[in-house]
Amino acid sequence: MDLDNISLGDAIDSICRSANLQYRIEENAVVIAAPDVPMDDFDTVIYPIEEEMLGMLDGDYSKESIETYFMDRGIPFPEGAKCVYDPAISRLIVTNTP
C-alpha cells in the first residue's frame, strides 16, 4: 500500500475498515472502538411523571417493560441507553442519545 499520497482521514478510515473498527473524529482526538462499543453521546434527563401516567404498564416498572413501551412508539434504545422509573420520587430517568 502506497501511503505517500493519502490523507490522514483516509488512512484512519482504511485502517478501521480493514480491522472492523468504528471511529469518530472529534475536535482534538480520534476515537476508535470495537463495533459493539456505543459511540453515540448520551444525555440523562429526569422527567417528573406521576405513577398514574404509567398505568398502561399495569404496575410493571421494570427497565425492560418501560423501554419496550417506548420502543413500541418509535424511540430507539441503542446499546448503553436506558430508561427507568423510580416510584419513590415519581421520576422517569432516561439516558439516551439527544
Protein backbone atom coordinates (compact mmCIF):
# COMPACT_ATOMS: atom_id res chain seq x y z
CA MET A 1 0.00 0.00 0.00
CA ASP A 2 1.41 3.37 -1.01
CA LEU A 3 0.80 5.90 1.76
CA ASP A 4 2.63 8.84 0.18
CA ASN A 5 -0.47 10.50 -1.28
CA ILE A 6 -3.17 9.58 1.23
CA SER A 7 -4.77 11.96 3.73
CA LEU A 8 -4.77 11.19 7.44
CA GLY A 9 -8.57 10.86 7.36
CA ASP A 10 -8.41 8.35 4.52
CA ALA A 11 -5.70 6.40 6.36
CA ILE A 12 -7.79 6.22 9.53
CA ASP A 13 -10.85 5.16 7.53
CA SER A 14 -8.93 2.47 5.67
CA ILE A 15 -7.28 1.08 8.80
CA CYS A 16 -10.54 1.00 10.75
CA ARG A 17 -12.47 -0.67 7.92
CA SER A 18 -9.78 -3.35 7.47
CA ALA A 19 -9.67 -4.01 11.24
CA ASN A 20 -13.50 -3.96 11.58
CA LEU A 21 -13.41 -0.96 13.93
CA GLN A 22 -15.54 2.15 14.11
CA TYR A 23 -14.22 5.66 14.62
CA ARG A 24 -15.33 9.19 15.33
CA ILE A 25 -13.29 12.30 14.68
CA GLU A 26 -13.61 14.90 17.43
CA GLU A 27 -12.10 18.36 17.72
CA ASN A 28 -8.92 17.21 19.49
CA ALA A 29 -8.97 13.43 19.12
CA VAL A 30 -9.87 10.44 17.03
CA VAL A 31 -11.90 7.89 18.99
CA ILE A 32 -11.53 4.31 17.74
CA ALA A 33 -13.55 1.45 19.20
CA ALA A 34 -14.78 -2.09 18.57
CA PRO A 35 -18.07 -2.35 16.65
CA ASP A 36 -20.03 -3.29 19.81
CA VAL A 37 -18.94 -0.21 21.79
CA PRO A 38 -21.52 2.60 21.78
CA MET A 39 -20.13 5.69 20.08
CA ASP A 40 -23.13 7.97 20.49
CA ASP A 41 -23.09 10.68 23.11
CA PHE A 42 -25.74 10.12 25.75
CA ASP A 43 -27.68 12.64 27.83
CA THR A 44 -29.51 11.84 31.04
CA VAL A 45 -32.80 13.64 31.59
CA ILE A 46 -35.10 13.24 34.59
CA TYR A 47 -38.81 13.73 33.97
CA PRO A 48 -41.40 14.19 36.73
CA ILE A 49 -44.06 11.56 35.95
CA GLU A 50 -46.89 10.65 38.28
CA GLU A 51 -47.38 6.92 38.72
CA GLU A 52 -50.90 7.16 37.27
CA MET A 53 -49.39 8.24 33.93
CA LEU A 54 -47.69 4.86 33.70
CA GLY A 55 -50.95 2.95 34.29
CA MET A 56 -50.60 1.33 30.86
CA LEU A 57 -47.73 -0.72 32.32
CA ASP A 58 -50.04 -2.41 34.88
CA GLY A 59 -47.60 -1.75 37.71
CA ASP A 60 -44.65 -3.35 35.90
CA TYR A 61 -41.99 -0.66 36.19
CA SER A 62 -39.10 -2.89 35.20
CA LYS A 63 -36.46 -1.38 32.92
CA GLU A 64 -37.41 -3.84 30.17
CA SER A 65 -41.14 -3.06 30.38
CA ILE A 66 -40.63 0.70 30.26
CA GLU A 67 -38.10 0.52 27.41
CA THR A 68 -40.38 -1.80 25.43
CA TYR A 69 -43.26 0.64 25.89
CA PHE A 70 -41.21 3.48 24.39
CA MET A 71 -39.58 1.33 21.67
CA ASP A 72 -43.07 0.28 20.53
CA ARG A 73 -43.70 4.00 19.99
CA GLY A 74 -40.59 4.52 17.87
CA ILE A 75 -37.97 5.59 20.42
CA PRO A 76 -34.74 3.62 19.89
CA PHE A 77 -32.59 2.39 22.76
CA PRO A 78 -29.10 1.81 21.39
CA GLU A 79 -26.50 -0.10 23.40
CA GLY A 80 -25.83 1.87 26.59
CA ALA A 81 -29.19 3.68 26.66
CA LYS A 82 -31.67 3.06 29.46
CA CYS A 83 -34.96 4.22 30.90
CA VAL A 84 -36.09 3.54 34.46
CA TYR A 85 -38.94 4.75 36.64
CA ASP A 86 -38.43 5.45 40.34
CA PRO A 87 -41.86 5.39 42.00
CA ALA A 88 -40.39 6.64 45.30
CA ILE A 89 -39.69 10.04 43.73
CA SER A 90 -42.12 9.84 40.77
CA ARG A 91 -39.37 10.33 38.21
CA LEU A 92 -38.61 8.76 34.83
CA ILE A 93 -34.83 8.70 34.40
CA VAL A 94 -33.78 8.44 30.76
CA THR A 95 -30.24 8.05 29.42
CA ASN A 96 -30.27 8.09 25.62
CA THR A 97 -28.99 9.95 22.59
CA PRO A 98 -30.26 13.50 22.24
